[in-house]
């Protein structure tokens, strides 16, 4: 469930690592689900909305963090795995979303493979020997061309009768 604290943590992390020399900000829109109201990159807004409706928490996102690749950060492994479980469906063949996510079959694909990244850094202010304060950022990079099918799969889940 998305909470105000989750959003504040995400904003804090995002602001702590802003690189003003990097790529320009993308056009954004307001996404509102329940009590949460956040500005999201326009191309990712429908996907993030469907994720939140499916009770998948996110921390940050970027519609094109790398050329042709979108990025979404998650507060923990459970949220990332819930997202992956809901959007991954078995499809035979090399050039499938299934194969780009799991990388099970070698061969040419029309879009790049997904990348899951765990970034660690020390937030501590004590350097040298001593206690460290590790922080993490868990995210997934995926082709922007996959966004429509991800939205569709999450919409199907969100519209399905509860079991």
Protein backbone atom coordinates (compact mmCIF):
# COMPACT_ATOMS: atom_id res chain seq x y z
CA UNK A 1 0.00 0.00 0.00
CA UNK A 2 1.27 3.45 -0.87
CA UNK A 3 1.72 5.68 2.13
CA UNK A 4 2.72 9.28 2.55
CA UNK A 5 5.94 8.07 4.20
CA UNK A 6 6.77 5.95 1.14
CA UNK A 7 6.32 8.95 -1.12
CA UNK A 8 8.38 11.20 1.15
CA UNK A 9 11.21 8.65 1.24
CA UNK A 10 11.13 8.45 -2.54
CA UNK A 11 11.21 12.22 -2.92
CA UNK A 12 14.05 12.50 -0.41
CA UNK A 13 16.10 9.85 -2.21
CA UNK A 14 15.39 11.42 -5.58
CA UNK A 15 16.41 14.88 -4.37
CA UNK A 16 19.55 13.56 -2.67
CA UNK A 17 20.80 12.22 -5.99
CA UNK A 18 19.71 14.90 -8.42
CA UNK A 19 22.33 15.56 -11.05
CA UNK A 20 21.53 18.92 -12.59
CA UNK A 21 24.09 18.29 -15.33
CA UNK A 22 22.15 15.25 -16.57
CA UNK A 23 19.36 14.96 -19.11
CA UNK A 24 16.47 17.44 -19.00
CA UNK A 25 13.38 16.64 -17.00
CA UNK A 26 10.57 15.01 -18.94
CA UNK A 27 7.05 16.44 -19.18
CA UNK A 28 5.08 15.31 -16.13
CA UNK A 29 1.46 14.94 -15.07
CA UNK A 30 -0.21 14.44 -11.72
CA UNK A 31 -1.14 10.85 -10.86
CA UNK A 32 -3.67 10.42 -8.10
CA UNK A 33 -4.66 7.13 -6.47
CA UNK A 34 -6.42 7.24 -3.12
CA UNK A 35 -4.74 9.83 -0.91
CA UNK A 36 -1.56 9.86 -3.01
CA UNK A 37 -1.01 12.62 -5.52
CA UNK A 38 2.40 12.75 -7.23
CA UNK A 39 3.91 14.26 -10.37
CA UNK A 40 5.07 11.46 -12.73
CA UNK A 41 6.74 11.54 -16.15
CA UNK A 42 3.93 11.67 -18.70
CA UNK A 43 4.87 8.49 -20.60
CA UNK A 44 4.96 6.45 -17.35
CA UNK A 45 1.92 8.00 -15.65
CA UNK A 46 -0.65 5.40 -16.85
CA UNK A 47 1.68 2.55 -15.87
CA UNK A 48 2.44 3.96 -12.42
CA UNK A 49 -1.28 4.56 -11.87
CA UNK A 50 -2.07 0.92 -12.70
CA UNK A 51 0.78 -0.23 -10.44
CA UNK A 52 -0.59 1.78 -7.53
CA UNK A 53 -4.10 0.45 -8.17
CA UNK A 54 -2.56 -3.05 -7.96
CA UNK A 55 -1.04 -1.97 -4.61
CA UNK A 56 2.53 -1.98 -5.91
CA UNK A 57 4.59 0.74 -4.24
CA UNK A 58 7.17 2.70 -6.18
CA UNK A 59 9.79 5.23 -5.08
CA UNK A 60 10.97 6.94 -8.25
CA UNK A 61 10.63 6.63 -12.00
CA UNK A 62 11.90 8.06 -15.25
CA UNK A 63 10.34 7.58 -18.68
CA UNK A 64 13.77 7.42 -20.34
CA UNK A 65 16.59 7.03 -17.81
CA UNK A 66 18.83 5.56 -20.51
CA UNK A 67 18.27 5.87 -24.26
CA UNK A 68 15.14 3.83 -25.03
CA UNK A 69 14.88 2.50 -21.45
CA UNK A 70 12.38 3.52 -18.77
CA UNK A 71 13.19 3.02 -15.08
CA UNK A 72 11.12 2.42 -11.96
CA UNK A 73 12.50 2.14 -8.42
CA UNK A 74 10.84 0.07 -5.69
CA UNK A 75 11.06 0.34 -1.89
CA UNK A 76 11.88 -3.36 -1.50
CA UNK A 77 12.23 -6.69 -3.27
CA UNK A 78 8.64 -7.69 -2.49
CA UNK A 79 7.22 -4.75 -4.45
CA UNK A 80 9.53 -5.41 -7.40
CA UNK A 81 8.60 -9.11 -7.40
CA UNK A 82 4.86 -8.32 -7.24
CA UNK A 83 5.27 -6.10 -10.32
CA UNK A 84 7.25 -8.77 -12.17
CA UNK A 85 4.76 -11.52 -11.23
CA UNK A 86 1.84 -9.48 -12.56
CA UNK A 87 3.39 -8.49 -15.89
CA UNK A 88 5.36 -11.64 -16.74
CA UNK A 89 3.52 -14.34 -18.70
CA UNK A 90 5.09 -17.33 -20.38
CA UNK A 91 5.51 -16.81 -24.10
CA UNK A 92 7.56 -19.18 -26.23
CA UNK A 93 10.19 -17.74 -28.52
CA UNK A 94 13.19 -15.51 -28.40
CA UNK A 95 11.63 -12.14 -29.22
CA UNK A 96 9.05 -12.01 -26.40
CA UNK A 97 8.51 -9.90 -23.30
CA UNK A 98 8.95 -13.08 -21.25
CA UNK A 99 12.41 -13.65 -22.69
CA UNK A 100 13.46 -10.00 -22.38
CA UNK A 101 12.56 -10.11 -18.67
CA UNK A 102 14.07 -13.52 -17.84
CA UNK A 103 16.77 -13.80 -20.53
CA UNK A 104 16.18 -17.55 -20.95
CA UNK A 105 16.84 -17.84 -24.69
CA UNK A 106 19.79 -16.43 -26.64
CA UNK A 107 19.19 -14.69 -29.92
CA UNK A 108 18.21 -11.39 -31.47
CA UNK A 109 15.30 -9.44 -30.01
CA UNK A 110 13.51 -6.33 -31.23
CA UNK A 111 14.06 -4.57 -27.89
CA UNK A 112 16.74 -4.72 -25.18
CA UNK A 113 16.58 -7.09 -22.21
CA UNK A 114 15.29 -5.84 -18.87
CA UNK A 115 17.87 -4.92 -16.23
CA UNK A 116 17.30 -5.18 -12.48
CA UNK A 117 19.74 -3.04 -10.52
CA UNK A 118 20.58 -2.79 -6.84
CA UNK A 119 22.58 0.35 -6.14
CA UNK A 120 24.21 0.78 -2.73
CA UNK A 121 25.82 3.83 -1.17
CA UNK A 122 26.95 4.97 2.27
CA UNK A 123 24.76 7.70 3.72
CA UNK A 124 26.91 7.86 6.84
CA UNK A 125 28.88 10.92 7.72
CA UNK A 126 31.60 8.95 9.54
CA UNK A 127 34.36 8.09 7.11
CA UNK A 128 37.28 5.80 7.66
CA UNK A 129 36.84 3.00 10.15
CA UNK A 130 33.54 2.74 11.90
CA UNK A 131 29.87 2.17 11.36
CA UNK A 132 28.42 2.72 7.92
CA UNK A 133 24.87 3.56 6.99
CA UNK A 134 24.08 1.76 3.76
CA UNK A 135 21.17 2.86 1.62
CA UNK A 136 19.84 1.16 -1.47
CA UNK A 137 17.98 1.86 -4.61
CA UNK A 138 16.28 -1.14 -6.22
CA UNK A 139 15.09 -0.54 -9.74
CA UNK A 140 14.25 -2.08 -13.07
CA UNK A 141 15.13 -0.72 -16.51
CA UNK A 142 12.91 -1.81 -19.38
CA UNK A 143 12.35 -0.79 -23.00
CA UNK A 144 9.94 2.12 -23.41
CA UNK A 145 8.30 0.03 -26.15
CA UNK A 146 7.11 -2.40 -23.42
CA UNK A 147 5.07 0.26 -21.59
CA UNK A 148 1.78 -0.36 -23.48
CA UNK A 149 1.75 -4.12 -22.80
CA UNK A 150 2.66 -3.55 -19.14
CA UNK A 151 -0.27 -1.15 -18.78
CA UNK A 152 -2.57 -3.65 -20.48
CA UNK A 153 -1.54 -6.53 -18.21
CA UNK A 154 -1.95 -4.47 -15.06
CA UNK A 155 -5.33 -3.14 -16.23
CA UNK A 156 -6.48 -6.73 -16.79
CA UNK A 157 -5.36 -7.62 -13.28
CA UNK A 158 -7.00 -4.55 -11.74
CA UNK A 159 -10.30 -5.15 -13.57
CA UNK A 160 -10.47 -8.88 -12.78
CA UNK A 161 -13.00 -9.91 -10.13
CA UNK A 162 -11.42 -10.41 -6.72
CA UNK A 163 -10.82 -14.01 -5.82
